[in-house]
C-alpha cells in the first residue's frame, strides 16, 4: 500500500477529523437547528422528573412502552436544564458521537485491521444522516455508541488469553444497559455470548459471571414491570401495535396493504391516553386480524415491503424528490447497499466466518421490522455503521488488488 495512503489512513488524522466534524455538529445544533422535538421518550422523562413516575400517561400509571435507558437519560437533562433540556440532549449526543469513529478503529484494531477501522471512521464522519441525527431526540444516538462499546468489550474477551473478573463484570454491566436501550439487539447478543463458551473463549464459570451480572442489573426492570402490570413483561409492551402500524398509511408503502385507514388509525391513537398499553395491545391485535382476516398473504407481502423500506428509505420519503433527500439519503443508501453486497461477495471468498456473521447481523436487524414496520429512518441507522465497515473493507481490498495487478504488470514489462 503506498505511503501516501498509509499517511492518510492514520489514527491521528481520524482523531483530528472526528474532532472537526463533532465541532461542526455542535455549531449546526447551536446556530442552524431551530427545533428539538421529543415524543414518547421525552414525555416519560418529564413525568419521571415531575411526578417521580416512569409513565407516559400519569392517569394510567406506569408504562413499559419504552425501554428505560433513553428516557432516564433525557430526564437527567430535564432535571438540570429545565426548558433547555432537549437542546442539552442534542449537544451531548453530538459530543457522544465522537466515540463512534474511535470505537470503530479500536474494534478493528483487535482484528489487525487498523486501516479498515480508520477508513470506517472517515466514512461515518461523511454520512449525512449520522451528521444530522445527533440533533434528533432518539435512542439511536445512545444505542450506537453503546453497541460499539459492547462489541469492543466482547472482542477484547474473545482475543484475551486470560480474562480478569473485572472485565467480565463490566461486560455484563454493558450487556444489561444495551438490552435496556434497544430490544432488537438481544437475540444476536445472546448468540454471541453463548459463542464465547462454544468456541472456548471463556469457561463456564466466567460465562455465568457475565450472565449473572447482566441479569442482576436487568432484573429490576422485569420486577418493576411485574409490579406495575401484574404479569411478566421481559422487555417492552408494544408488539401488536408495531404489526398493526405496518398496515396503516403512515407505516406502509404499498397502497393495497394500507388496510387500516388514516381516520381509523387516528381514532385508535386518541384512545391511548384512556386505555393502558396492554389493553391497547389487544385492540391493535383485533384491528390487525380484522383487516387481514389472519391471512398469511398480507403479512408476507408486508414483510417484503418493509424490508425494501428498511434498506432504502421509509414510506414517507419515497415520494420526496427534494435534492436534500435525493442526494443525502436515497442515492447515498443505494451506493452503500451496493458496496455492502459486493463486500459480502469478497468476504465469502476471503473469510466465510465474517461473511456468515454479517448475514446473521443484518438478519437480526431486519427480521423484527419485517414483522412490524419500517417507518423510521433510525431503524437502519442502528446498524448502518456496519455497512460502512464492510464498505471500507471492500474499498481497501479493491485498491490492494489494483496495486498488486499494477506491480505484476510492471514486473512483466521489465522482464
Protein backbone atom coordinates (compact mmCIF):
# COMPACT_ATOMS: atom_id res chain seq x y z
CA UNK A 1 0.00 0.00 0.00
CA UNK A 2 1.51 3.34 -0.95
CA UNK A 3 2.91 5.58 1.74
CA UNK A 4 0.52 8.43 0.87
CA UNK A 5 -2.47 6.27 1.67
CA UNK A 6 -0.72 4.99 4.80
CA UNK A 7 -0.23 8.58 5.88
CA UNK A 8 -3.85 9.49 5.19
CA UNK A 9 -5.32 6.46 6.96
CA UNK A 10 -3.72 7.20 10.32
CA UNK A 11 -5.34 7.23 13.71
CA UNK A 12 -4.14 10.80 14.27
CA UNK A 13 -5.87 12.02 11.11
CA UNK A 14 -9.04 10.24 12.15
CA UNK A 15 -8.83 11.84 15.60
CA UNK A 16 -8.45 15.31 14.10
CA UNK A 17 -11.23 14.77 11.55
CA UNK A 18 -13.57 13.46 14.25
CA UNK A 19 -12.90 16.50 16.42
CA UNK A 20 -13.60 18.83 13.47
CA UNK A 21 -16.85 17.08 12.49
CA UNK A 22 -18.00 16.98 16.12
CA UNK A 23 -17.39 20.71 16.29
CA UNK A 24 -19.41 21.22 13.11
CA UNK A 25 -22.26 19.19 14.62
CA UNK A 26 -22.23 21.43 17.67
CA UNK A 27 -22.25 24.56 15.50
CA UNK A 28 -25.15 23.17 13.45
CA UNK A 29 -27.16 22.41 16.59
CA UNK A 30 -26.44 25.82 18.12
CA UNK A 31 -26.87 28.07 15.09
CA UNK A 32 -28.86 26.18 12.44
CA UNK A 33 -31.24 23.68 14.03
CA UNK A 34 -34.38 25.55 15.04
CA UNK A 35 -36.42 22.88 16.78
CA UNK A 36 -35.83 19.99 19.16
CA UNK A 37 -38.74 17.57 19.45
CA UNK A 38 -39.22 14.66 21.81
CA UNK A 39 -42.20 12.34 21.76
CA UNK A 40 -42.77 9.28 23.99
CA UNK A 41 -39.26 9.20 25.49
CA UNK A 42 -39.46 12.89 26.34
CA UNK A 43 -42.95 12.57 27.85
CA UNK A 44 -41.82 9.70 30.08
CA UNK A 45 -38.71 11.68 31.07
CA UNK A 46 -40.81 14.70 32.04
CA UNK A 47 -43.04 12.52 34.20
CA UNK A 48 -40.01 10.97 35.89
CA UNK A 49 -38.86 14.45 36.93
CA UNK A 50 -42.28 15.97 37.67
CA UNK A 51 -44.15 13.03 39.21
CA UNK A 52 -41.27 10.64 40.03
CA UNK A 53 -43.06 8.02 37.98
CA UNK A 54 -41.96 6.09 34.89
CA UNK A 55 -45.16 6.78 32.98
CA UNK A 56 -46.32 8.18 29.65
CA UNK A 57 -49.85 8.97 30.84
CA UNK A 58 -49.96 9.64 34.57
CA UNK A 59 -53.66 8.77 34.79
CA UNK A 60 -52.86 5.25 33.52
CA UNK A 61 -49.95 4.57 35.86
CA UNK A 62 -46.61 3.07 34.89
CA UNK A 63 -45.52 2.21 31.37
CA UNK A 64 -43.25 -0.23 29.57
CA UNK A 65 -43.91 1.38 26.20
CA UNK A 66 -40.25 2.39 26.03
CA UNK A 67 -37.17 0.75 27.49
CA UNK A 68 -35.75 2.81 30.36
CA UNK A 69 -32.20 3.87 29.43
CA UNK A 70 -33.04 6.68 27.00
CA UNK A 71 -35.97 8.23 28.93
CA UNK A 72 -33.89 8.22 32.12
CA UNK A 73 -31.01 9.74 30.15
CA UNK A 74 -33.30 12.59 28.98
CA UNK A 75 -34.72 13.04 32.50
CA UNK A 76 -31.27 13.98 33.80
CA UNK A 77 -31.16 16.89 31.37
CA UNK A 78 -34.70 17.96 32.29
CA UNK A 79 -33.75 17.90 35.97
CA UNK A 80 -30.67 20.08 35.42
CA UNK A 81 -31.57 22.26 32.43
CA UNK A 82 -35.37 22.54 32.52
CA UNK A 83 -36.77 24.12 29.36
CA UNK A 84 -33.38 23.86 27.63
CA UNK A 85 -33.21 20.11 28.24
CA UNK A 86 -33.62 18.94 24.64
CA UNK A 87 -31.01 21.42 23.46
CA UNK A 88 -28.68 19.96 26.08
CA UNK A 89 -29.50 16.41 24.98
CA UNK A 90 -28.70 17.26 21.35
CA UNK A 91 -25.36 18.84 22.32
CA UNK A 92 -24.43 15.86 24.47
CA UNK A 93 -25.34 13.48 21.65
CA UNK A 94 -23.08 15.44 19.30
CA UNK A 95 -20.17 15.04 21.72
CA UNK A 96 -21.08 11.39 22.31
CA UNK A 97 -20.86 10.75 18.56
CA UNK A 98 -17.13 11.49 18.85
CA UNK A 99 -16.78 7.99 20.33
CA UNK A 100 -18.17 6.18 17.25
CA UNK A 101 -15.18 6.53 14.86
CA UNK A 102 -12.83 5.90 17.80
CA UNK A 103 -14.61 2.68 18.73
CA UNK A 104 -14.76 1.52 15.12
CA UNK A 105 -10.98 1.91 14.98
CA UNK A 106 -10.43 0.20 18.34
CA UNK A 107 -12.63 -2.78 17.41
CA UNK A 108 -10.98 -3.35 14.04
CA UNK A 109 -7.53 -2.89 15.55
CA UNK A 110 -8.25 -6.01 17.63
CA UNK A 111 -8.55 -7.87 14.30
CA UNK A 112 -5.32 -6.33 12.99
CA UNK A 113 -7.30 -4.20 10.51
CA UNK A 114 -6.36 -0.69 11.62
CA UNK A 115 -6.68 0.77 8.12
CA UNK A 116 -10.19 -0.60 7.75
CA UNK A 117 -11.00 0.91 11.14
CA UNK A 118 -9.68 4.33 10.16
CA UNK A 119 -11.48 4.33 6.80
CA UNK A 120 -14.70 3.15 8.51
CA UNK A 121 -14.41 6.12 10.85
CA UNK A 122 -13.94 8.52 7.93
CA UNK A 123 -16.97 7.06 6.15
CA UNK A 124 -19.03 7.52 9.32
CA UNK A 125 -17.96 11.17 9.50
CA UNK A 126 -19.05 11.63 5.87
CA UNK A 127 -22.54 10.21 6.45
CA UNK A 128 -25.22 12.94 6.07
CA UNK A 129 -27.74 11.02 8.18
CA UNK A 130 -25.38 10.39 11.09
CA UNK A 131 -24.29 14.04 10.98
CA UNK A 132 -27.84 15.37 11.29
CA UNK A 133 -29.15 12.69 13.64
CA UNK A 134 -27.20 13.94 16.65
CA UNK A 135 -29.78 16.71 16.89
CA UNK A 136 -32.71 14.27 16.84
CA UNK A 137 -34.09 13.12 20.18
CA UNK A 138 -33.99 9.38 19.51
CA UNK A 139 -32.38 6.42 21.31
CA UNK A 140 -30.20 5.60 18.28
CA UNK A 141 -27.80 8.34 19.41
CA UNK A 142 -27.08 6.42 22.61
CA UNK A 143 -27.60 2.92 21.24
CA UNK A 144 -24.92 3.03 18.51
CA UNK A 145 -22.05 4.14 20.81
CA UNK A 146 -23.23 1.67 23.46
CA UNK A 147 -23.41 -1.17 20.94
CA UNK A 148 -19.91 -0.40 19.66
CA UNK A 149 -18.61 -0.30 23.23
CA UNK A 150 -20.26 -3.69 23.77
CA UNK A 151 -18.57 -5.14 20.68
CA UNK A 152 -15.22 -3.71 21.79
CA UNK A 153 -15.54 -5.35 25.22
CA UNK A 154 -16.78 -8.56 23.63
CA UNK A 155 -13.88 -8.93 21.22
CA UNK A 156 -11.38 -7.99 23.94
CA UNK A 157 -12.68 -11.01 25.83
CA UNK A 158 -12.62 -13.08 22.62
CA UNK A 159 -8.95 -12.36 21.91
CA UNK A 160 -7.72 -12.27 25.50
CA UNK A 161 -5.72 -15.21 26.79
CA UNK A 162 -6.71 -14.51 30.38
CA UNK A 163 -9.88 -12.63 31.28
CA UNK A 164 -9.95 -10.84 34.61
CA UNK A 165 -13.18 -10.88 36.65
CA UNK A 166 -13.48 -7.10 36.42
CA UNK A 167 -13.57 -7.16 32.59
CA UNK A 168 -16.24 -9.88 32.66
CA UNK A 169 -18.35 -7.97 35.20
CA UNK A 170 -18.02 -4.75 33.22
CA UNK A 171 -19.05 -6.59 30.06
CA UNK A 172 -22.08 -8.00 31.89
CA UNK A 173 -23.00 -4.49 33.04
CA UNK A 174 -22.67 -3.16 29.50
CA UNK A 175 -24.87 -6.03 28.28
CA UNK A 176 -27.67 -5.11 30.68
CA UNK A 177 -27.57 -1.44 29.62
CA UNK A 178 -27.55 -2.46 25.97
CA UNK A 179 -30.61 -4.69 26.44
CA UNK A 180 -32.38 -1.88 28.31
CA UNK A 181 -31.77 0.51 25.40
CA UNK A 182 -32.91 -1.46 22.33
CA UNK A 183 -34.57 -4.88 22.37
CA UNK A 184 -33.65 -5.59 18.74
CA UNK A 185 -30.06 -6.46 19.70
CA UNK A 186 -30.98 -9.10 22.30
CA UNK A 187 -31.13 -12.23 20.04
CA UNK A 188 -27.79 -11.52 18.34
CA UNK A 189 -26.06 -10.56 21.58
CA UNK A 190 -27.28 -13.72 23.33
CA UNK A 191 -25.96 -15.89 20.48
CA UNK A 192 -22.60 -14.12 20.60
CA UNK A 193 -22.34 -14.52 24.38
CA UNK A 194 -23.11 -18.23 24.03
CA UNK A 195 -20.40 -18.34 21.35
CA UNK A 196 -17.80 -17.35 23.96
CA UNK A 197 -18.34 -20.71 25.64
CA UNK A 198 -18.92 -22.74 22.47
CA UNK A 199 -15.62 -21.57 20.96
CA UNK A 200 -13.84 -21.86 24.33
CA UNK A 201 -13.06 -18.18 24.75
CA UNK A 202 -14.32 -18.33 28.34
CA UNK A 203 -15.03 -21.23 30.67
CA UNK A 204 -18.43 -21.97 32.15
CA UNK A 205 -17.63 -20.14 35.39
CA UNK A 206 -16.73 -16.95 33.53
CA UNK A 207 -19.81 -17.23 31.32
CA UNK A 208 -22.00 -17.47 34.41
CA UNK A 209 -20.27 -14.39 35.85
CA UNK A 210 -21.25 -12.44 32.70
CA UNK A 211 -24.81 -13.76 32.72
CA UNK A 212 -25.33 -13.20 36.45
CA UNK A 213 -24.01 -9.64 36.26
CA UNK A 214 -26.21 -8.81 33.28
CA UNK A 215 -29.23 -10.44 34.95
CA UNK A 216 -28.60 -8.62 38.22
CA UNK A 217 -28.77 -5.20 36.57
CA UNK A 218 -31.58 -6.15 34.16
CA UNK A 219 -33.81 -7.83 36.76
CA UNK A 220 -35.13 -4.60 38.38
CA UNK A 221 -36.85 -3.71 35.10
CA UNK A 222 -38.64 -7.08 34.96
CA UNK A 223 -39.59 -6.95 38.66
CA UNK A 224 -40.87 -3.41 38.27
CA UNK A 225 -42.95 -4.40 35.23
CA UNK A 226 -44.49 -7.31 37.12
CA UNK A 227 -45.41 -4.95 39.95
CA UNK A 228 -46.99 -2.45 37.51
CA UNK A 229 -48.78 -4.84 35.15
CA UNK A 230 -49.29 -7.88 37.37
CA UNK A 231 -47.74 -10.04 34.67
CA UNK A 232 -44.29 -10.72 33.26
CA UNK A 233 -43.09 -8.14 30.72
CA UNK A 234 -39.49 -9.00 29.91
CA UNK A 235 -38.73 -6.03 27.68
CA UNK A 236 -41.42 -3.60 26.49
CA UNK A 237 -45.10 -3.85 25.68
CA UNK A 238 -45.60 -2.87 22.01
CA UNK A 239 -45.85 -5.95 19.79
CA UNK A 240 -49.19 -5.92 18.01
CA UNK A 241 -49.02 -2.14 17.79
CA UNK A 242 -45.94 -2.43 15.58
CA UNK A 243 -47.55 -5.12 13.44
CA UNK A 244 -50.73 -3.04 13.18
CA UNK A 245 -48.83 0.13 12.25
CA UNK A 246 -47.33 -1.68 9.26
CA UNK A 247 -50.83 -1.75 7.72
CA UNK A 248 -51.52 1.99 8.13
CA UNK A 249 -50.86 4.75 5.55
CA UNK A 250 -48.04 6.14 7.71
CA UNK A 251 -46.34 2.80 8.13
CA UNK A 252 -46.88 1.08 4.77
CA UNK A 253 -45.55 1.90 1.31
CA UNK A 254 -47.91 -0.20 -0.83
CA UNK A 255 -51.39 1.28 -1.13
CA UNK A 256 -53.13 -2.10 -1.34
CA UNK A 257 -51.57 -3.06 2.00
CA UNK A 258 -52.78 0.10 3.75
CA UNK A 259 -55.67 -1.89 5.15
CA UNK A 260 -56.33 0.44 8.07
CA UNK A 261 -57.48 3.92 7.13
CA UNK A 262 -55.82 7.09 8.40
CA UNK A 263 -59.08 8.08 10.12
CA UNK A 264 -59.28 4.75 11.96
CA UNK A 265 -55.61 4.94 12.90
CA UNK A 266 -56.10 8.43 14.31
CA UNK A 267 -59.17 7.27 16.23
CA UNK A 268 -57.23 4.45 17.88
CA UNK A 269 -54.31 6.77 18.63
CA UNK A 270 -56.68 9.02 20.58
CA UNK A 271 -57.59 6.05 22.78
CA UNK A 272 -54.03 5.66 24.10
CA UNK A 273 -54.42 8.17 26.94
CA UNK A 274 -57.57 6.43 28.18
CA UNK A 275 -56.53 2.77 27.99
CA UNK A 276 -53.37 1.22 29.32
CA UNK A 277 -50.93 -0.27 26.82
CA UNK A 278 -51.85 -3.89 27.50
CA UNK A 279 -55.48 -3.13 26.68
CA UNK A 280 -54.33 -1.25 23.57
CA UNK A 281 -52.26 -4.27 22.53
CA UNK A 282 -55.46 -6.31 22.37
CA UNK A 283 -57.17 -3.51 20.44
CA UNK A 284 -54.33 -3.44 17.90
CA UNK A 285 -54.38 -7.22 17.62
CA UNK A 286 -58.11 -7.24 16.97
CA UNK A 287 -57.85 -4.46 14.36
CA UNK A 288 -54.98 -6.19 12.58
CA UNK A 289 -56.69 -9.59 12.42
CA UNK A 290 -59.93 -7.95 11.34
CA UNK A 291 -58.19 -6.09 8.50
CA UNK A 292 -56.13 -9.05 7.30
CA UNK A 293 -58.51 -11.88 8.23
CA UNK A 294 -55.35 -13.50 9.59
CA UNK A 295 -54.28 -14.48 6.06
CA UNK A 296 -50.50 -15.06 5.68
CA UNK A 297 -50.60 -13.44 2.22
CA UNK A 298 -50.87 -9.96 3.71
CA UNK A 299 -48.12 -10.50 6.28
CA UNK A 300 -45.70 -11.96 3.71
CA UNK A 301 -46.20 -9.04 1.32
CA UNK A 302 -45.88 -6.60 4.20
CA UNK A 303 -42.61 -8.23 5.22
CA UNK A 304 -41.20 -7.76 1.71
CA UNK A 305 -42.39 -4.15 1.56
CA UNK A 306 -40.93 -3.41 4.99
CA UNK A 307 -37.60 -4.93 4.01
CA UNK A 308 -37.42 -2.62 0.99
CA UNK A 309 -38.25 0.43 3.13
CA UNK A 310 -35.75 -0.57 5.80
CA UNK A 311 -32.88 -0.92 3.33
CA UNK A 312 -33.85 2.09 1.21
CA UNK A 313 -35.97 4.84 2.76
CA UNK A 314 -39.13 4.81 4.95
CA UNK A 315 -42.51 5.16 3.16
CA UNK A 316 -42.83 8.90 3.85
CA UNK A 317 -39.64 9.63 1.88
CA UNK A 318 -40.48 7.60 -1.24
CA UNK A 319 -42.36 10.46 -2.89
CA UNK A 320 -39.97 13.11 -1.56
CA UNK A 321 -37.78 14.06 -4.53
CA UNK A 322 -36.14 17.08 -2.93
CA UNK A 323 -32.42 17.46 -3.51
CA UNK A 324 -31.76 17.01 0.20
CA UNK A 325 -33.47 13.62 0.34
CA UNK A 326 -32.31 12.50 -3.11
CA UNK A 327 -28.61 13.18 -2.58
CA UNK A 328 -28.44 13.00 1.20
CA UNK A 329 -30.30 9.75 1.57
CA UNK A 330 -31.67 7.91 -1.48
CA UNK A 331 -28.57 7.88 -3.69
CA UNK A 332 -26.32 7.54 -0.64
CA UNK A 333 -28.20 4.46 0.57
CA UNK A 334 -28.26 2.84 -2.87
CA UNK A 335 -24.49 3.23 -3.20
CA UNK A 336 -23.92 1.93 0.33
CA UNK A 337 -26.19 -1.08 -0.23
CA UNK A 338 -24.34 -1.93 -3.45
CA UNK A 339 -20.98 -1.65 -1.70
CA UNK A 340 -22.32 -3.90 1.04
CA UNK A 341 -23.41 -6.55 -1.49
CA UNK A 342 -20.02 -6.50 -3.26
CA UNK A 343 -18.25 -6.61 0.11
CA UNK A 344 -20.19 -9.71 1.12
CA UNK A 345 -19.12 -11.32 -2.16
CA UNK A 346 -15.48 -10.57 -1.32
CA UNK A 347 -15.94 -11.83 2.24
CA UNK A 348 -17.37 -15.13 1.03
CA UNK A 349 -14.11 -15.75 -0.78
CA UNK A 350 -11.79 -14.33 1.88
CA UNK A 351 -13.42 -15.04 5.28
CA UNK A 352 -16.52 -17.19 5.48
CA UNK A 353 -16.77 -16.65 9.26
CA UNK A 354 -17.11 -12.88 8.82
CA UNK A 355 -19.43 -13.46 5.85
CA UNK A 356 -21.85 -15.58 7.90
CA UNK A 357 -21.58 -13.23 10.86
CA UNK A 358 -22.51 -10.33 8.56
CA UNK A 359 -25.59 -12.17 7.27
CA UNK A 360 -26.59 -13.01 10.84
CA UNK A 361 -26.04 -9.40 11.89
CA UNK A 362 -28.21 -7.99 9.10
CA UNK A 363 -30.88 -10.66 9.60
CA UNK A 364 -31.06 -9.79 13.30
CA UNK A 365 -31.80 -6.15 12.48
CA UNK A 366 -34.08 -6.86 9.50
CA UNK A 367 -36.41 -9.59 10.70
CA UNK A 368 -38.15 -7.66 13.54
CA UNK A 369 -39.01 -4.79 11.21
CA UNK A 370 -40.29 -7.18 8.56
CA UNK A 371 -42.80 -8.36 11.17
CA UNK A 372 -43.65 -4.88 12.45
CA UNK A 373 -42.98 -1.80 10.36
CA UNK A 374 -40.06 0.13 8.86
CA UNK A 375 -41.45 3.65 9.05
CA UNK A 376 -38.48 5.23 10.85
CA UNK A 377 -35.03 6.03 9.47
CA UNK A 378 -33.45 5.32 12.86
CA UNK A 379 -34.13 1.59 12.41
CA UNK A 380 -31.46 1.44 9.70
CA UNK A 381 -29.13 3.88 11.44
CA UNK A 382 -28.94 1.39 14.30
CA UNK A 383 -26.87 -0.87 12.03
CA UNK A 384 -25.82 1.23 9.05
CA UNK A 385 -22.41 1.80 10.68
CA UNK A 386 -21.61 -1.88 9.97
CA UNK A 387 -22.28 -1.31 6.29
CA UNK A 388 -19.63 1.41 6.46
CA UNK A 389 -17.19 -1.14 7.89
CA UNK A 390 -17.91 -3.53 5.02
CA UNK A 391 -17.60 -0.70 2.50
CA UNK A 392 -14.21 0.28 3.96
CA UNK A 393 -13.06 -3.34 3.75
CA UNK A 394 -14.18 -3.58 0.11
CA UNK A 395 -12.53 -0.33 -0.95
CA UNK A 396 -9.20 -1.28 0.61
CA UNK A 397 -9.37 -4.80 -0.85
CA UNK A 398 -10.10 -3.48 -4.35
CA UNK A 399 -7.36 -0.87 -4.03
CA UNK A 400 -4.94 -3.55 -2.88
CA UNK A 401 -5.86 -5.81 -5.80
CA UNK A 402 -5.37 -2.96 -8.27
CA UNK A 403 -1.97 -2.15 -6.79
CA UNK A 404 -0.91 -5.80 -6.96
CA UNK A 405 -2.03 -6.04 -10.59
CA UNK A 406 -0.09 -2.85 -11.38
CA UNK A 407 3.07 -4.24 -9.78
CA UNK A 408 2.73 -7.52 -11.69
CA UNK A 409 2.32 -5.57 -14.91
CA UNK A 410 5.44 -3.51 -14.17
CA UNK A 411 7.47 -6.64 -13.34
CA UNK A 412 6.37 -8.40 -16.55
CA UNK A 413 7.17 -5.29 -18.58
CA UNK A 414 10.69 -5.11 -17.11
CA UNK A 415 11.30 -8.79 -17.71
